[in-house]
Amino acid sequence: MPHSEAEELILVAGGEPHPEVAAHVRGCRSCQAELRALRETVTLLREADAMFDSERRIEDQLPDRIWDGIASQLALSGRRPERGLRRRLVAAAAAGVLAGALAGAGAVVATESIAGRDGAAAVVARATLATVPGAPPGPTVGSGSATVVVDDGGSDVVEVSATLPAPASGYYEVWLGDPTLRRLYSLGALDGSGTGRFALPPGVRLTEFTTIDVSAEEHDGDPGHSTVSVLRGTLG
């Protein structure tokens, strides 16, 4: 079966309906990987475009005398930036970024889809989960692994498997965080066998959120992290 054209995948990544492409992507691991890379790129471009729109609104509100002072301090020509210039730069950069995304997706396909030829999910990232120092009930509380795969719809899914003692009360919860753990997303609770399969939160990029954390939680109605981590690992 022929793969979807790059232009078609770009439209789908941008939110355009394309039933034929969607049907093909559901059964094609290589096109799933390309679509995932393109969706991440589209998200980045939209964020950049929104930032430039915000800056332009601020510039439009500046009186001429204030802009003249800024231009003098920064040794600029004194002329306001041409309206729409930045948007055209973003559009020009988009072509290069999308081309790079397609090339990167091709590299992913070359290395990852080999494992998917027998029907296995395409792997995006992996982490080995090890005991967090000081975790109860001791230094050898458990172990585990986390794998990020692309599902049939082209979305990222986090699969976690952990070997842990049964909690005296409460449950174990899986979190996705940045390296500092100051920003955390709850993915969900592990089941009784210590496994779980969770959808990656929309808009979350694995380049920023690379830590998998498993915490011991109580049924106390508090949705926040208990601060009691038992397993942790870094995706790579």
Foldseek 3Di string as FASTA:
>chain_A
DDADDLVVLLCVLVPHDDVVNQVVLLPDQLSLLLSLLSNLLNLVLVVVVVVVVVVVVVVVPDDLVVLQVVCVVVVHPSDDPDPCPVVVVSVVVSVVSSVVSNVVSVVLCVPFCVVPPVPDFGWDWKKKKAFDPPFPPHRPFWIWMWTWTQHSSSFTKIKIAIDGPDDPAAFKWKWWAFPVRPDIDTQGTADPRRIDMGTDPPPDDCVGTFKIWIAGDHPPPDPDGPPRTTIMIGID
